[in-house]
C-alpha cells in the first residue's frame, strides 16, 4: 500500500452503511447520536439525515455481517 492511499473493501463499506441504516430509523435516534457525539450532522434537520441514511442503505444486499 502506498503512503497516503487508502483502500476500503466494498463489503466493509456496505456493512457500515447497513449498520447505520439499522440504527438510524427516526429523528429521535439521530438526535441521540448527535447529542452523544457519535455522529456529526451539518444538515440542520434530523429528518433529512434519516431520509439520507435510509436511502443509502435501501438497495444494499447483505447476506451476512462479518
Protein backbone atom coordinates (compact mmCIF):
# COMPACT_ATOMS: atom_id res chain seq x y z
CA UNK A 1 0.00 0.00 0.00
CA UNK A 2 1.32 3.41 -0.91
CA UNK A 3 1.65 6.10 1.71
CA UNK A 4 -1.35 8.40 1.67
CA UNK A 5 -3.58 5.93 -0.16
CA UNK A 6 -6.45 4.12 1.50
CA UNK A 7 -8.24 1.05 0.19
CA UNK A 8 -11.55 0.02 1.69
CA UNK A 9 -13.16 -3.26 0.79
CA UNK A 10 -16.64 -2.78 -0.70
CA UNK A 11 -18.07 -5.29 1.78
CA UNK A 12 -16.86 -3.18 4.71
CA UNK A 13 -18.48 -0.07 3.26
CA UNK A 14 -21.74 -1.96 2.67
CA UNK A 15 -21.70 -3.29 6.23
CA UNK A 16 -21.13 0.20 7.68
CA UNK A 17 -23.97 1.65 5.61
CA UNK A 18 -26.31 -1.19 6.57
CA UNK A 19 -25.49 -0.79 10.27
CA UNK A 20 -26.25 2.93 10.01
CA UNK A 21 -29.49 2.11 8.20
CA UNK A 22 -30.50 -0.22 11.06
CA UNK A 23 -29.52 2.27 13.77
CA UNK A 24 -30.98 5.44 12.26
CA UNK A 25 -34.73 5.00 11.80
CA UNK A 26 -36.19 8.14 13.36
CA UNK A 27 -35.27 11.73 14.20
CA UNK A 28 -35.10 10.65 17.85
CA UNK A 29 -32.17 8.33 17.11
CA UNK A 30 -30.38 10.97 15.04
CA UNK A 31 -30.69 13.48 17.88
CA UNK A 32 -29.47 10.87 20.39
CA UNK A 33 -26.42 10.02 18.26
CA UNK A 34 -25.63 13.71 17.66
CA UNK A 35 -26.08 14.62 21.35
CA UNK A 36 -23.65 11.85 22.36
CA UNK A 37 -21.18 12.89 19.64
CA UNK A 38 -21.41 9.52 17.89
CA UNK A 39 -22.25 11.20 14.59
CA UNK A 40 -21.93 14.78 13.38
CA UNK A 41 -24.70 16.29 11.30
CA UNK A 42 -24.27 19.53 9.38
CA UNK A 43 -27.64 19.13 7.69
CA UNK A 44 -29.55 21.00 10.40
CA UNK A 45 -32.57 18.71 10.04
CA UNK A 46 -32.66 15.32 11.76
CA UNK A 47 -35.35 14.02 9.40
CA UNK A 48 -33.14 14.82 6.40
CA UNK A 49 -30.43 12.63 7.97
CA UNK A 50 -32.92 9.77 8.41
CA UNK A 51 -34.02 10.04 4.78
CA UNK A 52 -30.44 10.20 3.52
CA UNK A 53 -29.20 7.20 5.55
CA UNK A 54 -32.26 5.09 4.76
CA UNK A 55 -31.94 5.83 1.04
CA UNK A 56 -28.24 4.92 1.06
CA UNK A 57 -28.91 1.56 2.68
CA UNK A 58 -32.12 0.73 0.86
CA UNK A 59 -30.56 -1.21 -2.03
CA UNK A 60 -27.71 -2.98 -0.25
CA UNK A 61 -27.53 -6.74 -0.46
CA UNK A 62 -26.18 -8.08 2.81
CA UNK A 63 -26.08 -11.89 3.01
CA UNK A 64 -24.24 -11.74 6.37
CA UNK A 65 -22.19 -9.46 8.57
CA UNK A 66 -18.51 -10.19 9.23
